[in-house]
Amino acid sequence: DRARTGGGTVGVLLLDLDHFKAINDTYGHPIG
């Protein structure tokens, strides 16, 4: 909203850990 009214910019990053399911499967969700 601020960028729209003030002429600024906003960047958005979406991050996904690669092969994270293997950590949960190997060590359990608490370690994950």
PDB file of all heavy atoms in Angstrom:
ATOM      1  N   ASP A   1       0.840  -1.206   0.000  1.00  0.00           N
ATOM      2  CA  ASP A   1       0.000   0.000   0.000  1.00  0.00           C
ATOM      3  C   ASP A   1       0.874   1.255   0.000  1.00  0.00           C
ATOM      4  O   ASP A   1       0.582   2.229  -0.719  1.00  0.00           O
ATOM      5  CB  ASP A   1      -0.915   0.004   1.219  1.00  0.00           C
ATOM      6  CG  ASP A   1      -2.054  -1.005   1.100  1.00  0.00           C
ATOM      7  OD1 ASP A   1      -2.331  -1.433  -0.043  1.00  0.00           O
ATOM      8  OD2 ASP A   1      -2.646  -1.365   2.127  1.00  0.00           O
ATOM      9  N   ARG A   2       1.938   1.246   0.788  1.00  0.00           N
ATOM     10  CA  ARG A   2       2.836   2.405   0.827  1.00  0.00           C
ATOM     11  C   ARG A   2       3.541   2.593  -0.506  1.00  0.00           C
ATOM     12  O   ARG A   2       3.709   3.723  -0.988  1.00  0.00           O
ATOM     13  CB  ARG A   2       3.876   2.220   1.933  1.00  0.00           C
ATOM     14  CG  ARG A   2       3.305   2.257   3.341  1.00  0.00           C
ATOM     15  CD  ARG A   2       4.393   1.954   4.365  1.00  0.00           C
ATOM     16  NE  ARG A   2       3.834   1.731   5.690  1.00  0.00           N
ATOM     17  CZ  ARG A   2       4.543   1.305   6.732  1.00  0.00           C
ATOM     18  NH1 ARG A   2       5.834   1.044   6.579  1.00  0.00           N
ATOM     19  NH2 ARG A   2       3.967   1.137   7.903  1.00  0.00           N
ATOM     20  N   ALA A   3       3.974   1.478  -1.109  1.00  0.00           N
ATOM     21  CA  ALA A   3       4.642   1.569  -2.408  1.00  0.00           C
ATOM     22  C   ALA A   3       3.681   2.084  -3.471  1.00  0.00           C
ATOM     23  O   ALA A   3       4.066   2.868  -4.349  1.00  0.00           O
ATOM     24  CB  ALA A   3       5.189   0.200  -2.806  1.00  0.00           C
ATOM     25  N   ARG A   4       2.424   1.675  -3.382  1.00  0.00           N
ATOM     26  CA  ARG A   4       1.423   2.078  -4.369  1.00  0.00           C
ATOM     27  C   ARG A   4       1.154   3.572  -4.298  1.00  0.00           C
ATOM     28  O   ARG A   4       0.998   4.247  -5.317  1.00  0.00           O
ATOM     29  CB  ARG A   4       0.136   1.282  -4.136  1.00  0.00           C
ATOM     30  CG  ARG A   4      -0.897   1.417  -5.249  1.00  0.00           C
ATOM     31  CD  ARG A   4      -2.106   0.545  -4.952  1.00  0.00           C
ATOM     32  NE  ARG A   4      -1.766  -0.864  -4.931  1.00  0.00           N
ATOM     33  CZ  ARG A   4      -1.831  -1.638  -3.848  1.00  0.00           C
ATOM     34  NH1 ARG A   4      -2.214  -1.126  -2.686  1.00  0.00           N
ATOM     35  NH2 ARG A   4      -1.512  -2.917  -3.919  1.00  0.00           N
ATOM     36  N   THR A   5       1.095   4.113  -3.084  1.00  0.00           N
ATOM     37  CA  THR A   5       0.792   5.539  -2.928  1.00  0.00           C
ATOM     38  C   THR A   5       2.038   6.414  -2.967  1.00  0.00           C
ATOM     39  O   THR A   5       1.964   7.583  -3.359  1.00  0.00           O
ATOM     40  CB  THR A   5       0.058   5.783  -1.598  1.00  0.00           C
ATOM     41  OG1 THR A   5       0.866   5.292  -0.511  1.00  0.00           O
ATOM     42  CG2 THR A   5      -1.268   5.054  -1.580  1.00  0.00           C
ATOM     43  N   GLY A   6       3.178   5.853  -2.557  1.00  0.00           N
ATOM     44  CA  GLY A   6       4.392   6.668  -2.487  1.00  0.00           C
ATOM     45  C   GLY A   6       5.382   6.438  -3.602  1.00  0.00           C
ATOM     46  O   GLY A   6       6.429   7.086  -3.649  1.00  0.00           O
ATOM     47  N   GLY A   7       5.072   5.507  -4.493  1.00  0.00           N
ATOM     48  CA  GLY A   7       5.959   5.274  -5.626  1.00  0.00           C
ATOM     49  C   GLY A   7       7.180   4.442  -5.315  1.00  0.00           C
ATOM     50  O   GLY A   7       8.167   4.500  -6.067  1.00  0.00           O
ATOM     51  N   GLY A   8       7.156   3.658  -4.256  1.00  0.00           N
ATOM     52  CA  GLY A   8       8.292   2.823  -3.912  1.00  0.00           C
ATOM     53  C   GLY A   8       8.199   1.444  -4.524  1.00  0.00           C
ATOM     54  O   GLY A   8       7.370   1.175  -5.409  1.00  0.00           O
ATOM     55  N   THR A   9       9.053   0.557  -4.073  1.00  0.00           N
ATOM     56  CA  THR A   9       9.063  -0.826  -4.555  1.00  0.00           C
ATOM     57  C   THR A   9       9.028  -1.776  -3.367  1.00  0.00           C
ATOM     58  O   THR A   9       9.385  -1.420  -2.244  1.00  0.00           O
ATOM     59  CB  THR A   9      10.337  -1.129  -5.375  1.00  0.00           C
ATOM     60  OG1 THR A   9      11.481  -0.922  -4.537  1.00  0.00           O
ATOM     61  CG2 THR A   9      10.420  -0.234  -6.591  1.00  0.00           C
ATOM     62  N   VAL A  10       8.599  -3.002  -3.637  1.00  0.00           N
ATOM     63  CA  VAL A  10       8.564  -4.053  -2.614  1.00  0.00           C
ATOM     64  C   VAL A  10       8.996  -5.361  -3.268  1.00  0.00           C
ATOM     65  O   VAL A  10       8.442  -5.761  -4.302  1.00  0.00           O
ATOM     66  CB  VAL A  10       7.156  -4.229  -2.007  1.00  0.00           C
ATOM     67  CG1 VAL A  10       7.175  -5.373  -0.989  1.00  0.00           C
ATOM     68  CG2 VAL A  10       6.689  -2.948  -1.344  1.00  0.00           C
ATOM     69  N   GLY A  11       9.987  -6.003  -2.670  1.00  0.00           N
ATOM     70  CA  GLY A  11      10.407  -7.308  -3.144  1.00  0.00           C
ATOM     71  C   GLY A  11       9.865  -8.410  -2.251  1.00  0.00           C
ATOM     72  O   GLY A  11       9.707  -8.219  -1.047  1.00  0.00           O
ATOM     73  N   VAL A  12       9.562  -9.541  -2.830  1.00  0.00           N
ATOM     74  CA  VAL A  12       9.087 -10.707  -2.081  1.00  0.00           C
ATOM     75  C   VAL A  12       9.907 -11.924  -2.490  1.00  0.00           C
ATOM     76  O   VAL A  12      10.097 -12.178  -3.686  1.00  0.00           O
ATOM     77  CB  VAL A  12       7.587 -10.977  -2.328  1.00  0.00           C
ATOM     78  CG1 VAL A  12       7.180 -12.331  -1.743  1.00  0.00           C
ATOM     79  CG2 VAL A  12       6.740  -9.871  -1.709  1.00  0.00           C
ATOM     80  N   LEU A  13      10.418 -12.633  -1.498  1.00  0.00           N
ATOM     81  CA  LEU A  13      11.154 -13.872  -1.725  1.00  0.00           C
ATOM     82  C   LEU A  13      10.392 -15.019  -1.097  1.00  0.00           C
ATOM     83  O   LEU A  13       9.924 -14.910   0.042  1.00  0.00           O
ATOM     84  CB  LEU A  13      12.550 -13.812  -1.087  1.00  0.00           C
ATOM     85  CG  LEU A  13      13.459 -12.619  -1.412  1.00  0.00           C
ATOM     86  CD1 LEU A  13      14.792 -12.776  -0.697  1.00  0.00           C
ATOM     87  CD2 LEU A  13      13.663 -12.496  -2.911  1.00  0.00           C
ATOM     88  N   LEU A  14      10.256 -16.108  -1.815  1.00  0.00           N
ATOM     89  CA  LEU A  14       9.742 -17.356  -1.265  1.00  0.00           C
ATOM     90  C   LEU A  14      10.882 -18.369  -1.276  1.00  0.00           C
ATOM     91  O   LEU A  14      11.505 -18.602  -2.322  1.00  0.00           O
ATOM     92  CB  LEU A  14       8.556 -17.879  -2.076  1.00  0.00           C
ATOM     93  CG  LEU A  14       7.224 -17.144  -1.885  1.00  0.00           C
ATOM     94  CD1 LEU A  14       6.112 -17.840  -2.681  1.00  0.00           C
ATOM     95  CD2 LEU A  14       6.822 -17.075  -0.421  1.00  0.00           C
ATOM     96  N   LEU A  15      11.172 -18.947  -0.117  1.00  0.00           N
ATOM     97  CA  LEU A  15      12.280 -19.879   0.038  1.00  0.00           C
ATOM     98  C   LEU A  15      11.746 -21.256   0.400  1.00  0.00           C
ATOM     99  O   LEU A  15      10.808 -21.368   1.191  1.00  0.00           O
ATOM    100  CB  LEU A  15      13.232 -19.428   1.155  1.00  0.00           C
ATOM    101  CG  LEU A  15      14.015 -18.134   1.008  1.00  0.00           C
ATOM    102  CD1 LEU A  15      13.128 -16.905   1.114  1.00  0.00           C
ATOM    103  CD2 LEU A  15      15.088 -18.059   2.097  1.00  0.00           C
ATOM    104  N   ASP A  16      12.358 -22.280  -0.164  1.00  0.00           N
ATOM    105  CA  ASP A  16      11.977 -23.644   0.152  1.00  0.00           C
ATOM    106  C   ASP A  16      13.246 -24.468   0.364  1.00  0.00           C
ATOM    107  O   ASP A  16      14.103 -24.542  -0.525  1.00  0.00           O
ATOM    108  CB  ASP A  16      11.142 -24.242  -0.980  1.00  0.00           C
ATOM    109  CG  ASP A  16      10.574 -25.598  -0.615  1.00  0.00           C
ATOM    110  OD1 ASP A  16      11.296 -26.597  -0.760  1.00  0.00           O
ATOM    111  OD2 ASP A  16       9.419 -25.660  -0.161  1.00  0.00           O
ATOM    112  N   LEU A  17      13.367 -25.085   1.556  1.00  0.00           N
ATOM    113  CA  LEU A  17      14.531 -25.922   1.831  1.00  0.00           C
ATOM    114  C   LEU A  17      14.490 -27.172   0.958  1.00  0.00           C
ATOM    115  O   LEU A  17      13.460 -27.854   0.900  1.00  0.00           O
ATOM    116  CB  LEU A  17      14.568 -26.313   3.307  1.00  0.00           C
ATOM    117  CG  LEU A  17      14.957 -25.203   4.285  1.00  0.00           C
ATOM    118  CD1 LEU A  17      14.864 -25.727   5.710  1.00  0.00           C
ATOM    119  CD2 LEU A  17      16.353 -24.706   4.000  1.00  0.00           C
ATOM    120  N   ASP A  18      15.590 -27.478   0.326  1.00  0.00           N
ATOM    121  CA  ASP A  18      15.645 -28.626  -0.586  1.00  0.00           C
ATOM    122  C   ASP A  18      15.766 -29.935   0.204  1.00  0.00           C
ATOM    123  O   ASP A  18      16.552 -30.029   1.147  1.00  0.00           O
ATOM    124  CB  ASP A  18      16.848 -28.484  -1.521  1.00  0.00           C
ATOM    125  CG  ASP A  18      16.756 -27.239  -2.389  1.00  0.00           C
ATOM    126  OD1 ASP A  18      15.630 -26.883  -2.788  1.00  0.00           O
ATOM    127  OD2 ASP A  18      17.812 -26.621  -2.641  1.00  0.00           O
ATOM    128  N   HIS A  19      14.969 -30.911  -0.192  1.00  0.00           N
ATOM    129  CA  HIS A  19      15.035 -32.271   0.372  1.00  0.00           C
ATOM    130  C   HIS A  19      14.848 -32.286   1.898  1.00  0.00           C
ATOM    131  O   HIS A  19      15.452 -33.106   2.599  1.00  0.00           O
ATOM    132  CB  HIS A  19      16.373 -32.943   0.010  1.00  0.00           C
ATOM    133  CG  HIS A  19      16.673 -32.942  -1.453  1.00  0.00           C
ATOM    134  ND1 HIS A  19      15.897 -33.635  -2.368  1.00  0.00           N
ATOM    135  CD2 HIS A  19      17.658 -32.319  -2.158  1.00  0.00           C
ATOM    136  CE1 HIS A  19      16.398 -33.454  -3.585  1.00  0.00           C
ATOM    137  NE2 HIS A  19      17.451 -32.660  -3.478  1.00  0.00           N
ATOM    138  N   PHE A  20      14.033 -31.370   2.404  1.00  0.00           N
ATOM    139  CA  PHE A  20      13.872 -31.295   3.858  1.00  0.00           C
ATOM    140  C   PHE A  20      13.114 -32.506   4.416  1.00  0.00           C
ATOM    141  O   PHE A  20      13.320 -32.899   5.559  1.00  0.00           O
ATOM    142  CB  PHE A  20      13.134 -29.999   4.233  1.00  0.00           C
ATOM    143  CG  PHE A  20      12.993 -29.803   5.708  1.00  0.00           C
ATOM    144  CD1 PHE A  20      14.081 -29.421   6.479  1.00  0.00           C
ATOM    145  CD2 PHE A  20      11.773 -30.014   6.333  1.00  0.00           C
ATOM    146  CE1 PHE A  20      13.960 -29.246   7.843  1.00  0.00           C
ATOM    147  CE2 PHE A  20      11.635 -29.839   7.695  1.00  0.00           C
ATOM    148  CZ  PHE A  20      12.739 -29.445   8.461  1.00  0.00           C
ATOM    149  N   LYS A  21      12.249 -33.092   3.603  1.00  0.00           N
ATOM    150  CA  LYS A  21      11.487 -34.247   4.070  1.00  0.00           C
ATOM    151  C   LYS A  21      12.410 -35.375   4.526  1.00  0.00           C
ATOM    152  O   LYS A  21      12.096 -36.108   5.472  1.00  0.00           O
ATOM    153  CB  LYS A  21      10.560 -34.744   2.953  1.00  0.00           C
ATOM    154  CG  LYS A  21       9.639 -35.892   3.383  1.00  0.00           C
ATOM    155  CD  LYS A  21       8.711 -36.279   2.248  1.00  0.00           C
ATOM    156  CE  LYS A  21       7.750 -37.383   2.676  1.00  0.00           C
ATOM    157  NZ  LYS A  21       8.441 -38.629   3.067  1.00  0.00           N
ATOM    158  N   ALA A  22      13.562 -35.479   3.884  1.00  0.00           N
ATOM    159  CA  ALA A  22      14.510 -36.537   4.258  1.00  0.00           C
ATOM    160  C   ALA A  22      15.024 -36.343   5.688  1.00  0.00           C
ATOM    161  O   ALA A  22      15.284 -37.314   6.402  1.00  0.00           O
ATOM    162  CB  ALA A  22      15.680 -36.554   3.284  1.00  0.00           C
ATOM    163  N   ILE A  23      15.148 -35.090   6.118  1.00  0.00           N
ATOM    164  CA  ILE A  23      15.603 -34.821   7.492  1.00  0.00           C
ATOM    165  C   ILE A  23      14.547 -35.271   8.486  1.00  0.00           C
ATOM    166  O   ILE A  23      14.844 -35.936   9.480  1.00  0.00           O
ATOM    167  CB  ILE A  23      15.926 -33.321   7.661  1.00  0.00           C
ATOM    168  CG1 ILE A  23      17.112 -32.950   6.783  1.00  0.00           C
ATOM    169  CG2 ILE A  23      16.197 -32.989   9.124  1.00  0.00           C
ATOM    170  CD1 ILE A  23      17.465 -31.485   6.811  1.00  0.00           C
ATOM    171  N   ASN A  24      13.289 -34.919   8.226  1.00  0.00           N
ATOM    172  CA  ASN A  24      12.210 -35.359   9.109  1.00  0.00           C
ATOM    173  C   ASN A  24      12.089 -36.878   9.150  1.00  0.00           C
ATOM    174  O   ASN A  24      11.894 -37.479  10.216  1.00  0.00           O
ATOM    175  CB  ASN A  24      10.876 -34.747   8.667  1.00  0.00           C
ATOM    176  CG  ASN A  24      10.721 -33.308   9.105  1.00  0.00           C
ATOM    177  OD1 ASN A  24      11.325 -32.879  10.096  1.00  0.00           O
ATOM    178  ND2 ASN A  24       9.923 -32.546   8.381  1.00  0.00           N
ATOM    179  N   ASP A  25      12.206 -37.488   7.984  1.00  0.00           N
ATOM    180  CA  ASP A  25      12.071 -38.954   7.927  1.00  0.00           C
ATOM    181  C   ASP A  25      13.226 -39.658   8.631  1.00  0.00           C
ATOM    182  O   ASP A  25      13.044 -40.722   9.230  1.00  0.00           O
ATOM    183  CB  ASP A  25      12.006 -39.406   6.459  1.00  0.00           C
ATOM    184  CG  ASP A  25      10.719 -38.970   5.776  1.00  0.00           C
ATOM    185  OD1 ASP A  25       9.776 -38.584   6.490  1.00  0.00           O
ATOM    186  OD2 ASP A  25      10.674 -38.983   4.532  1.00  0.00           O
ATOM    187  N   THR A  26      14.424 -39.076   8.566  1.00  0.00           N
ATOM    188  CA  THR A  26      15.609 -39.719   9.136  1.00  0.00           C
ATOM    189  C   THR A  26      15.758 -39.460  10.627  1.00  0.00           C
ATOM    190  O   THR A  26      16.032 -40.383  11.405  1.00  0.00           O
ATOM    191  CB  THR A  26      16.880 -39.234   8.414  1.00  0.00           C
ATOM    192  OG1 THR A  26      16.746 -39.490   7.013  1.00  0.00           O
ATOM    193  CG2 THR A  26      18.115 -39.953   8.959  1.00  0.00           C
ATOM    194  N   TYR A  27      15.549 -38.219  11.024  1.00  0.00           N
ATOM    195  CA  TYR A  27      15.850 -37.836  12.407  1.00  0.00           C
ATOM    196  C   TYR A  27      14.612 -37.523  13.250  1.00  0.00           C
ATOM    197  O   TYR A  27      14.716 -37.409  14.471  1.00  0.00           O
ATOM    198  CB  TYR A  27      16.759 -36.604  12.414  1.00  0.00           C
ATOM    199  CG  TYR A  27      18.056 -36.808  11.663  1.00  0.00           C
ATOM    200  CD1 TYR A  27      18.248 -36.228  10.410  1.00  0.00           C
ATOM    201  CD2 TYR A  27      19.069 -37.576  12.197  1.00  0.00           C
ATOM    202  CE1 TYR A  27      19.434 -36.411   9.705  1.00  0.00           C
ATOM    203  CE2 TYR A  27      20.268 -37.770  11.504  1.00  0.00           C
ATOM    204  CZ  TYR A  27      20.436 -37.181  10.257  1.00  0.00           C
ATOM    205  OH  TYR A  27      21.604 -37.373   9.587  1.00  0.00           O
ATOM    206  N   GLY A  28      13.466 -37.371  12.608  1.00  0.00           N
ATOM    207  CA  GLY A  28      12.254 -37.041  13.337  1.00  0.00           C
ATOM    208  C   GLY A  28      11.934 -35.561  13.273  1.00  0.00           C
ATOM    209  O   GLY A  28      12.802 -34.721  13.014  1.00  0.00           O
ATOM    210  N   HIS A  29      10.669 -35.224  13.520  1.00  0.00           N
ATOM    211  CA  HIS A  29      10.211 -33.842  13.407  1.00  0.00           C
ATOM    212  C   HIS A  29      10.824 -32.901  14.436  1.00  0.00           C
ATOM    213  O   HIS A  29      11.057 -31.718  14.123  1.00  0.00           O
ATOM    214  CB  HIS A  29       8.686 -33.791  13.458  1.00  0.00           C
ATOM    215  CG  HIS A  29       8.036 -34.269  12.192  1.00  0.00           C
ATOM    216  ND1 HIS A  29       7.814 -35.606  11.934  1.00  0.00           N
ATOM    217  CD2 HIS A  29       7.597 -33.589  11.102  1.00  0.00           C
ATOM    218  CE1 HIS A  29       7.241 -35.733  10.744  1.00  0.00           C
ATOM    219  NE2 HIS A  29       7.103 -34.524  10.219  1.00  0.00           N
ATOM    220  N   PRO A  30      11.108 -33.321  15.682  1.00  0.00           N
ATOM    221  CA  PRO A  30      11.766 -32.397  16.611  1.00  0.00           C
ATOM    222  C   PRO A  30      13.116 -31.909  16.100  1.00  0.00           C
ATOM    223  O   PRO A  30      13.453 -30.725  16.252  1.00  0.00           O
ATOM    224  CB  PRO A  30      11.905 -33.231  17.891  1.00  0.00           C
ATOM    225  CG  PRO A  30      10.782 -34.217  17.828  1.00  0.00           C
ATOM    226  CD  PRO A  30      10.671 -34.563  16.381  1.00  0.00           C
ATOM    227  N   ILE A  31      13.888 -32.811  15.487  1.00  0.00           N
ATOM    228  CA  ILE A  31      15.167 -32.401  14.903  1.00  0.00           C
ATOM    229  C   ILE A  31      14.920 -31.506  13.693  1.00  0.00           C
ATOM    230  O   ILE A  31      15.626 -30.521  13.466  1.00  0.00           O
ATOM    231  CB  ILE A  31      16.012 -33.617  14.504  1.00  0.00           C
ATOM    232  CG1 ILE A  31      16.331 -34.444  15.750  1.00  0.00           C
ATOM    233  CG2 ILE A  31      17.281 -33.195  13.798  1.00  0.00           C
ATOM    234  CD1 ILE A  31      17.110 -33.701  16.805  1.00  0.00           C
ATOM    235  N   GLY A  32      13.891 -31.842  12.926  1.00  0.00           N
ATOM    236  CA  GLY A  32      13.536 -30.986  11.791  1.00  0.00           C
ATOM    237  C   GLY A  32      13.192 -29.578  12.233  1.00  0.00           C
ATOM    238  O   GLY A  32      13.591 -28.598  11.591  1.00  0.00           O
TER     239      GLY A  32
END
